[in-house]
PDB file of N, CA and C in Angstrom:
ATOM      1  N   MET A   1    -132.573  23.136 -86.548  1.00  0.00           N
ATOM      2  CA  MET A   1    -131.729  23.800 -86.439  1.00  0.00           C
ATOM      3  C   MET A   1    -131.410  24.598 -85.199  1.00  0.00           C
ATOM      4  N   PRO A   2    -130.610  24.867 -84.226  1.00  0.00           N
ATOM      5  CA  PRO A   2    -131.004  25.500 -83.007  1.00  0.00           C
ATOM      6  C   PRO A   2    -130.878  26.883 -83.057  1.00  0.00           C
ATOM      7  N   ASN A   3    -130.751  27.585 -84.119  1.00  0.00           N
ATOM      8  CA  ASN A   3    -130.817  28.825 -84.384  1.00  0.00           C
ATOM      9  C   ASN A   3    -131.964  29.316 -85.336  1.00  0.00           C
ATOM     10  N   THR A   4    -132.810  28.444 -85.439  1.00  0.00           N
ATOM     11  CA  THR A   4    -133.959  28.831 -86.548  1.00  0.00           C
ATOM     12  C   THR A   4    -135.249  28.643 -85.518  1.00  0.00           C
ATOM     13  N   LEU A   5    -136.323  29.472 -85.661  1.00  0.00           N
ATOM     14  CA  LEU A   5    -137.777  29.175 -85.209  1.00  0.00           C
ATOM     15  C   LEU A   5    -138.792  29.622 -86.276  1.00  0.00           C
ATOM     16  N   ASN A   6    -139.570  28.653 -86.269  1.00  0.00           N
ATOM     17  CA  ASN A   6    -140.672  28.760 -87.037  1.00  0.00           C
ATOM     18  C   ASN A   6    -141.885  28.804 -86.178  1.00  0.00           C
ATOM     19  N   VAL A   7    -142.429  30.131 -86.882  1.00  0.00           N
ATOM     20  CA  VAL A   7    -143.695  30.697 -85.759  1.00  0.00           C
ATOM     21  C   VAL A   7    -145.022  30.822 -86.728  1.00  0.00           C
ATOM     22  N   SER A   8    -145.962  30.527 -86.326  1.00  0.00           N
ATOM     23  CA  SER A   8    -147.405  30.904 -87.239  1.00  0.00           C
ATOM     24  C   SER A   8    -148.079  31.204 -86.161  1.00  0.00           C
ATOM     25  N   ILE A   9    -149.123  32.282 -86.680  1.00  0.00           N
ATOM     26  CA  ILE A   9    -150.391  32.830 -86.206  1.00  0.00           C
ATOM     27  C   ILE A   9    -151.364  32.458 -86.781  1.00  0.00           C
ATOM     28  N   ALA A  10    -152.474  31.778 -86.090  1.00  0.00           N
ATOM     29  CA  ALA A  10    -153.721  31.281 -86.783  1.00  0.00           C
ATOM     30  C   ALA A  10    -154.458  32.242 -87.067  1.00  0.00           C
ATOM     31  N   GLY A  11    -155.014  32.016 -88.744  1.00  0.00           N
ATOM     32  CA  GLY A  11    -155.668  33.068 -89.013  1.00  0.00           C
ATOM     33  C   GLY A  11    -154.942  33.809 -90.182  1.00  0.00           C
ATOM     34  N   ILE A  12    -153.470  34.136 -90.195  1.00  0.00           N
ATOM     35  CA  ILE A  12    -152.749  34.956 -90.830  1.00  0.00           C
ATOM     36  C   ILE A  12    -151.843  34.310 -91.551  1.00  0.00           C
ATOM     37  N   ALA A  13    -151.870  34.431 -92.911  1.00  0.00           N
ATOM     38  CA  ALA A  13    -151.055  34.064 -93.755  1.00  0.00           C
ATOM     39  C   ALA A  13    -149.427  34.509 -93.566  1.00  0.00           C
ATOM     40  N   GLY A  14    -148.615  34.020 -93.632  1.00  0.00           N
ATOM     41  CA  GLY A  14    -147.294  34.406 -93.265  1.00  0.00           C
ATOM     42  C   GLY A  14    -146.468  35.581 -94.162  1.00  0.00           C
ATOM     43  N   HIS A  15    -146.746  35.482 -95.612  1.00  0.00           N
ATOM     44  CA  HIS A  15    -146.256  36.481 -96.001  1.00  0.00           C
ATOM     45  C   HIS A  15    -147.298  37.651 -96.076  1.00  0.00           C
ATOM     46  N   GLU A  16    -148.235  37.686 -95.387  1.00  0.00           N
ATOM     47  CA  GLU A  16    -148.901  38.868 -95.398  1.00  0.00           C
ATOM     48  C   GLU A  16    -148.579  39.584 -94.009  1.00  0.00           C
ATOM     49  N   LEU A  17    -148.498  38.576 -92.948  1.00  0.00           N
ATOM     50  CA  LEU A  17    -147.523  38.902 -91.813  1.00  0.00           C
ATOM     51  C   LEU A  17    -146.304  39.672 -91.842  1.00  0.00           C
ATOM     52  N   LEU A  18    -145.364  39.032 -92.898  1.00  0.00           N
ATOM     53  CA  LEU A  18    -144.102  39.706 -93.024  1.00  0.00           C
ATOM     54  C   LEU A  18    -144.289  40.730 -93.935  1.00  0.00           C
ATOM     55  N   GLY A  19    -145.113  41.059 -94.954  1.00  0.00           N
ATOM     56  CA  GLY A  19    -145.620  42.202 -95.376  1.00  0.00           C
ATOM     57  C   GLY A  19    -145.875  43.274 -94.427  1.00  0.00           C
ATOM     58  N   ALA A  20    -146.445  43.160 -93.673  1.00  0.00           N
ATOM     59  CA  ALA A  20    -147.162  44.168 -92.665  1.00  0.00           C
ATOM     60  C   ALA A  20    -145.995  44.653 -91.691  1.00  0.00           C
ATOM     61  N   THR A  21    -144.620  44.003 -91.631  1.00  0.00           N
ATOM     62  CA  THR A  21    -143.531  44.597 -90.927  1.00  0.00           C
ATOM     63  C   THR A  21    -142.322  44.458 -91.859  1.00  0.00           C
ATOM     64  N   SER A  22    -141.678  45.694 -91.871  1.00  0.00           N
ATOM     65  CA  SER A  22    -140.593  45.508 -92.622  1.00  0.00           C
ATOM     66  C   SER A  22    -139.342  45.888 -91.678  1.00  0.00           C
ATOM     67  N   ALA A  23    -139.371  46.097 -90.179  1.00  0.00           N
ATOM     68  CA  ALA A  23    -138.579  46.166 -89.605  1.00  0.00           C
ATOM     69  C   ALA A  23    -137.886  44.673 -89.060  1.00  0.00           C
ATOM     70  N   ILE A  24    -138.287  43.693 -89.514  1.00  0.00           N
ATOM     71  CA  ILE A  24    -137.369  42.139 -89.209  1.00  0.00           C
ATOM     72  C   ILE A  24    -137.393  41.827 -90.492  1.00  0.00           C
ATOM     73  N   ALA A  25    -136.298  40.756 -90.387  1.00  0.00           N
ATOM     74  CA  ALA A  25    -135.806  40.222 -91.445  1.00  0.00           C
ATOM     75  C   ALA A  25    -136.203  38.786 -91.452  1.00  0.00           C
ATOM     76  N   ALA A  26    -137.305  38.256 -91.930  1.00  0.00           N
ATOM     77  CA  ALA A  26    -137.356  36.618 -92.052  1.00  0.00           C
ATOM     78  C   ALA A  26    -137.977  36.191 -93.291  1.00  0.00           C
ATOM     79  N   SER A  27    -138.050  35.217 -93.121  1.00  0.00           N
ATOM     80  CA  SER A  27    -138.749  34.655 -94.376  1.00  0.00           C
ATOM     81  C   SER A  27    -139.884  33.651 -94.042  1.00  0.00           C
ATOM     82  N   THR A  28    -140.571  33.363 -95.275  1.00  0.00           N
ATOM     83  CA  THR A  28    -141.907  32.439 -95.044  1.00  0.00           C
ATOM     84  C   THR A  28    -141.445  30.713 -95.379  1.00  0.00           C
ATOM     85  N   GLY A  29    -140.423  30.671 -95.885  1.00  0.00           N
ATOM     86  CA  GLY A  29    -139.924  29.154 -96.371  1.00  0.00           C
ATOM     87  C   GLY A  29    -138.535  29.579 -96.793  1.00  0.00           C
ATOM     88  N   SER A  30    -137.865  28.547 -97.038  1.00  0.00           N
ATOM     89  CA  SER A  30    -136.602  28.381 -97.691  1.00  0.00           C
ATOM     90  C   SER A  30    -136.110  29.002 -98.835  1.00  0.00           C
ATOM     91  N   ALA A  31    -135.275  29.627 -99.254  1.00  0.00           N
ATOM     92  CA  ALA A  31    -134.652  30.381-100.537  1.00  0.00           C
ATOM     93  C   ALA A  31    -135.378  29.679-101.707  1.00  0.00           C
ATOM     94  N   CYS A  32    -134.966  28.019-101.751  1.00  0.00           N
ATOM     95  CA  CYS A  32    -135.324  27.541-103.039  1.00  0.00           C
ATOM     96  C   CYS A  32    -136.571  27.584-103.004  1.00  0.00           C
ATOM     97  N   HIS A  33    -137.938  28.231-102.486  1.00  0.00           N
ATOM     98  CA  HIS A  33    -139.212  28.203-102.785  1.00  0.00           C
ATOM     99  C   HIS A  33    -139.504  29.611-102.496  1.00  0.00           C
ATOM    100  N   SER A  34    -138.671  30.853-102.858  1.00  0.00           N
ATOM    101  CA  SER A  34    -139.032  31.926-102.655  1.00  0.00           C
ATOM    102  C   SER A  34    -140.181  32.231-103.920  1.00  0.00           C
ATOM    103  N   GLY A  35    -141.099  33.007-103.375  1.00  0.00           N
ATOM    104  CA  GLY A  35    -142.207  33.433-104.170  1.00  0.00           C
ATOM    105  C   GLY A  35    -143.477  32.708-104.627  1.00  0.00           C
ATOM    106  N   HIS A  36    -143.035  31.659-104.113  1.00  0.00           N
ATOM    107  CA  HIS A  36    -144.318  30.318-104.038  1.00  0.00           C
ATOM    108  C   HIS A  36    -145.000  30.517-102.872  1.00  0.00           C
ATOM    109  N   HIS A  37    -146.166  30.586-102.426  1.00  0.00           N
ATOM    110  CA  HIS A  37    -147.063  30.544-101.167  1.00  0.00           C
ATOM    111  C   HIS A  37    -147.762  28.917-101.182  1.00  0.00           C
ATOM    112  N   GLN A  38    -147.004  28.020-100.819  1.00  0.00           N
ATOM    113  CA  GLN A  38    -147.199  26.779-100.472  1.00  0.00           C
ATOM    114  C   GLN A  38    -146.874  26.612 -98.861  1.00  0.00           C
ATOM    115  N   PRO A  39    -147.407  25.549 -98.449  1.00  0.00           N
ATOM    116  CA  PRO A  39    -146.984  25.121 -97.126  1.00  0.00           C
ATOM    117  C   PRO A  39    -145.821  24.361 -97.513  1.00  0.00           C
ATOM    118  N   SER A  40    -144.625  24.697 -96.152  1.00  0.00           N
ATOM    119  CA  SER A  40    -143.474  24.065 -96.336  1.00  0.00           C
ATOM    120  C   SER A  40    -143.635  22.523 -96.399  1.00  0.00           C
ATOM    121  N   PRO A  41    -142.838  21.990 -97.292  1.00  0.00           N
ATOM    122  CA  PRO A  41    -143.025  20.368 -97.390  1.00  0.00           C
ATOM    123  C   PRO A  41    -142.444  19.716 -96.142  1.00  0.00           C
ATOM    124  N   VAL A  42    -141.544  20.233 -95.274  1.00  0.00           N
ATOM    125  CA  VAL A  42    -141.267  19.738 -94.144  1.00  0.00           C
ATOM    126  C   VAL A  42    -142.190  20.086 -93.017  1.00  0.00           C
ATOM    127  N   LEU A  43    -142.954  21.309 -92.647  1.00  0.00           N
ATOM    128  CA  LEU A  43    -143.903  21.501 -92.056  1.00  0.00           C
ATOM    129  C   LEU A  43    -144.928  20.157 -92.220  1.00  0.00           C
ATOM    130  N   THR A  44    -145.471  19.938 -93.416  1.00  0.00           N
ATOM    131  CA  THR A  44    -146.427  19.271 -93.909  1.00  0.00           C
ATOM    132  C   THR A  44    -146.330  17.995 -93.537  1.00  0.00           C
ATOM    133  N   ALA A  45    -144.657  17.379 -93.923  1.00  0.00           N
ATOM    134  CA  ALA A  45    -144.388  16.086 -93.386  1.00  0.00           C
ATOM    135  C   ALA A  45    -144.576  15.810 -92.108  1.00  0.00           C
ATOM    136  N   MET A  46    -144.166  16.983 -91.010  1.00  0.00           N
ATOM    137  CA  MET A  46    -144.687  16.902 -89.566  1.00  0.00           C
ATOM    138  C   MET A  46    -146.002  16.707 -89.244  1.00  0.00           C
ATOM    139  N   GLY A  47    -146.964  17.140 -89.969  1.00  0.00           N
ATOM    140  CA  GLY A  47    -148.241  16.903 -89.923  1.00  0.00           C
ATOM    141  C   GLY A  47    -149.160  18.071 -89.652  1.00  0.00           C
ATOM    142  N   LEU A  48    -148.403  19.363 -89.871  1.00  0.00           N
ATOM    143  CA  LEU A  48    -149.211  20.552 -89.815  1.00  0.00           C
ATOM    144  C   LEU A  48    -150.300  20.593 -90.545  1.00  0.00           C
ATOM    145  N   PRO A  49    -151.499  21.564 -90.437  1.00  0.00           N
ATOM    146  CA  PRO A  49    -152.346  21.424 -91.362  1.00  0.00           C
ATOM    147  C   PRO A  49    -151.818  22.554 -92.652  1.00  0.00           C
ATOM    148  N   ALA A  50    -152.582  22.374 -93.606  1.00  0.00           N
ATOM    149  CA  ALA A  50    -151.873  23.233 -94.596  1.00  0.00           C
ATOM    150  C   ALA A  50    -151.988  24.941 -94.053  1.00  0.00           C
ATOM    151  N   CYS A  51    -153.124  25.183 -93.499  1.00  0.00           N
ATOM    152  CA  CYS A  51    -153.192  26.589 -92.985  1.00  0.00           C
ATOM    153  C   CYS A  51    -152.205  26.712 -91.952  1.00  0.00           C
ATOM    154  N   ARG A  52    -151.713  25.903 -91.087  1.00  0.00           N
ATOM    155  CA  ARG A  52    -150.660  26.603 -90.484  1.00  0.00           C
ATOM    156  C   ARG A  52    -149.295  26.679 -90.977  1.00  0.00           C
ATOM    157  N   GLY A  53    -149.309  25.716 -92.198  1.00  0.00           N
ATOM    158  CA  GLY A  53    -148.010  25.889 -92.963  1.00  0.00           C
ATOM    159  C   GLY A  53    -147.816  27.090 -93.636  1.00  0.00           C
ATOM    160  N   LEU A  54    -148.830  27.611 -94.083  1.00  0.00           N
ATOM    161  CA  LEU A  54    -149.035  28.709 -95.023  1.00  0.00           C
ATOM    162  C   LEU A  54    -148.723  30.187 -94.226  1.00  0.00           C
ATOM    163  N   GLY A  55    -149.196  29.879 -92.678  1.00  0.00           N
ATOM    164  CA  GLY A  55    -148.888  31.140 -91.889  1.00  0.00           C
ATOM    165  C   GLY A  55    -147.881  31.216 -91.148  1.00  0.00           C
ATOM    166  N   ALA A  56    -146.518  30.323 -91.678  1.00  0.00           N
ATOM    167  CA  ALA A  56    -145.443  30.121 -90.824  1.00  0.00           C
ATOM    168  C   ALA A  56    -144.386  31.428 -91.241  1.00  0.00           C
ATOM    169  N   LEU A  57    -143.540  31.590 -90.299  1.00  0.00           N
ATOM    170  CA  LEU A  57    -142.512  32.288 -90.422  1.00  0.00           C
ATOM    171  C   LEU A  57    -141.671  32.045 -90.165  1.00  0.00           C
ATOM    172  N   ARG A  58    -140.264  31.877 -90.768  1.00  0.00           N
ATOM    173  CA  ARG A  58    -139.044  31.431 -90.381  1.00  0.00           C
ATOM    174  C   ARG A  58    -138.009  32.577 -89.856  1.00  0.00           C
ATOM    175  N   LEU A  59    -137.640  32.506 -88.549  1.00  0.00           N
ATOM    176  CA  LEU A  59    -136.582  33.347 -88.147  1.00  0.00           C
ATOM    177  C   LEU A  59    -135.382  32.596 -87.874  1.00  0.00           C
ATOM    178  N   SER A  60    -134.402  33.412 -87.807  1.00  0.00           N
ATOM    179  CA  SER A  60    -133.131  32.741 -87.608  1.00  0.00           C
ATOM    180  C   SER A  60    -132.261  33.921 -87.013  1.00  0.00           C
ATOM    181  N   LEU A  61    -131.456  33.181 -85.845  1.00  0.00           N
ATOM    182  CA  LEU A  61    -130.433  33.738 -85.073  1.00  0.00           C
ATOM    183  C   LEU A  61    -129.311  33.670 -85.697  1.00  0.00           C
ATOM    184  N   GLY A  62    -128.450  35.165 -85.602  1.00  0.00           N
ATOM    185  CA  GLY A  62    -127.304  35.023 -85.975  1.00  0.00           C
ATOM    186  C   GLY A  62    -126.219  34.898 -84.435  1.00  0.00           C
ATOM    187  N   ARG A  63    -124.916  34.613 -84.814  1.00  0.00           N
ATOM    188  CA  ARG A  63    -124.000  34.699 -83.713  1.00  0.00           C
ATOM    189  C   ARG A  63    -123.983  36.125 -83.066  1.00  0.00           C
ATOM    190  N   TRP A  64    -124.380  37.168 -83.454  1.00  0.00           N
ATOM    191  CA  TRP A  64    -124.205  38.309 -82.688  1.00  0.00           C
ATOM    192  C   TRP A  64    -125.617  38.758 -82.395  1.00  0.00           C
ATOM    193  N   THR A  65    -126.619  37.709 -82.706  1.00  0.00           N
ATOM    194  CA  THR A  65    -127.914  38.417 -82.574  1.00  0.00           C
ATOM    195  C   THR A  65    -128.361  38.879 -80.880  1.00  0.00           C
ATOM    196  N   THR A  66    -128.943  39.961 -80.161  1.00  0.00           N
ATOM    197  CA  THR A  66    -128.961  40.406 -79.042  1.00  0.00           C
ATOM    198  C   THR A  66    -130.280  39.875 -78.604  1.00  0.00           C
ATOM    199  N   THR A  67    -130.382  39.831 -77.244  1.00  0.00           N
ATOM    200  CA  THR A  67    -131.742  39.678 -76.558  1.00  0.00           C
ATOM    201  C   THR A  67    -132.748  40.869 -76.869  1.00  0.00           C
ATOM    202  N   GLU A  68    -132.219  41.993 -76.997  1.00  0.00           N
ATOM    203  CA  GLU A  68    -132.786  43.046 -77.383  1.00  0.00           C
ATOM    204  C   GLU A  68    -133.472  43.085 -78.714  1.00  0.00           C
ATOM    205  N   GLN A  69    -132.947  42.522 -79.706  1.00  0.00           N
ATOM    206  CA  GLN A  69    -133.108  42.450 -80.923  1.00  0.00           C
ATOM    207  C   GLN A  69    -134.263  41.228 -81.018  1.00  0.00           C
ATOM    208  N   ILE A  70    -134.381  40.153 -80.466  1.00  0.00           N
ATOM    209  CA  ILE A  70    -135.065  39.396 -80.253  1.00  0.00           C
ATOM    210  C   ILE A  70    -136.556  39.850 -79.637  1.00  0.00           C
ATOM    211  N   ASP A  71    -136.815  40.550 -78.563  1.00  0.00           N
ATOM    212  CA  ASP A  71    -137.424  41.410 -77.928  1.00  0.00           C
ATOM    213  C   ASP A  71    -138.300  42.419 -79.047  1.00  0.00           C
ATOM    214  N   GLN A  72    -137.404  42.989 -79.410  1.00  0.00           N
ATOM    215  CA  GLN A  72    -137.995  44.058 -80.962  1.00  0.00           C
ATOM    216  C   GLN A  72    -138.921  43.156 -81.844  1.00  0.00           C
ATOM    217  N   ALA A  73    -138.081  42.195 -82.451  1.00  0.00           N
ATOM    218  CA  ALA A  73    -138.768  41.122 -83.585  1.00  0.00           C
ATOM    219  C   ALA A  73    -139.984  40.812 -83.026  1.00  0.00           C
ATOM    220  N   ALA A  74    -140.043  40.144 -81.728  1.00  0.00           N
ATOM    221  CA  ALA A  74    -141.553  39.796 -81.020  1.00  0.00           C
ATOM    222  C   ALA A  74    -142.592  40.627 -81.290  1.00  0.00           C
ATOM    223  N   HIS A  75    -142.061  42.057 -80.850  1.00  0.00           N
ATOM    224  CA  HIS A  75    -143.036  43.334 -80.758  1.00  0.00           C
ATOM    225  C   HIS A  75    -143.380  43.583 -82.282  1.00  0.00           C
ATOM    226  N   HIS A  76    -142.536  43.637 -83.197  1.00  0.00           N
ATOM    227  CA  HIS A  76    -142.860  43.814 -84.371  1.00  0.00           C
ATOM    228  C   HIS A  76    -144.177  43.035 -85.037  1.00  0.00           C
ATOM    229  N   ILE A  77    -143.639  41.386 -84.844  1.00  0.00           N
ATOM    230  CA  ILE A  77    -144.704  40.504 -85.058  1.00  0.00           C
ATOM    231  C   ILE A  77    -146.036  40.528 -84.503  1.00  0.00           C
ATOM    232  N   ILE A  78    -146.033  40.763 -83.246  1.00  0.00           N
ATOM    233  CA  ILE A  78    -147.343  41.016 -82.832  1.00  0.00           C
ATOM    234  C   ILE A  78    -148.073  42.345 -83.087  1.00  0.00           C
ATOM    235  N   SER A  79    -147.130  43.063 -83.249  1.00  0.00           N
ATOM    236  CA  SER A  79    -147.942  44.470 -83.785  1.00  0.00           C
ATOM    237  C   SER A  79    -148.447  44.228 -85.034  1.00  0.00           C
ATOM    238  N   ALA A  80    -147.750  43.532 -85.888  1.00  0.00           N
ATOM    239  CA  ALA A  80    -148.109  43.294 -87.398  1.00  0.00           C
ATOM    240  C   ALA A  80    -149.483  42.451 -87.263  1.00  0.00           C
ATOM    241  N   ALA A  81    -149.592  41.489 -86.490  1.00  0.00           N
ATOM    242  CA  ALA A  81    -150.593  40.450 -86.337  1.00  0.00           C
ATOM    243  C   ALA A  81    -152.062  40.894 -85.815  1.00  0.00           C
ATOM    244  N   SER A  82    -151.684  42.091 -84.796  1.00  0.00           N
ATOM    245  CA  SER A  82    -152.846  43.097 -84.360  1.00  0.00           C
ATOM    246  C   SER A  82    -153.574  43.776 -85.532  1.00  0.00           C
TER     247      SER A  82
END
């Protein structure tokens, strides 16, 4: 989907990264897998190793998302990863 971005940072579990910042609204997978810490079946099918799949954050843009909000989210993710 053109409004969805999946990012992962090597060595950091996605749910831990997401837990380290409450400033962004993101998820570690689809709603139907809420609460499960397993690699996304889609990322696995794409050939990503389990460690990258477990590190994934799923970010979605809305119609009214601004460039400033994207920059802020990136800053928060980088800070949480540090």
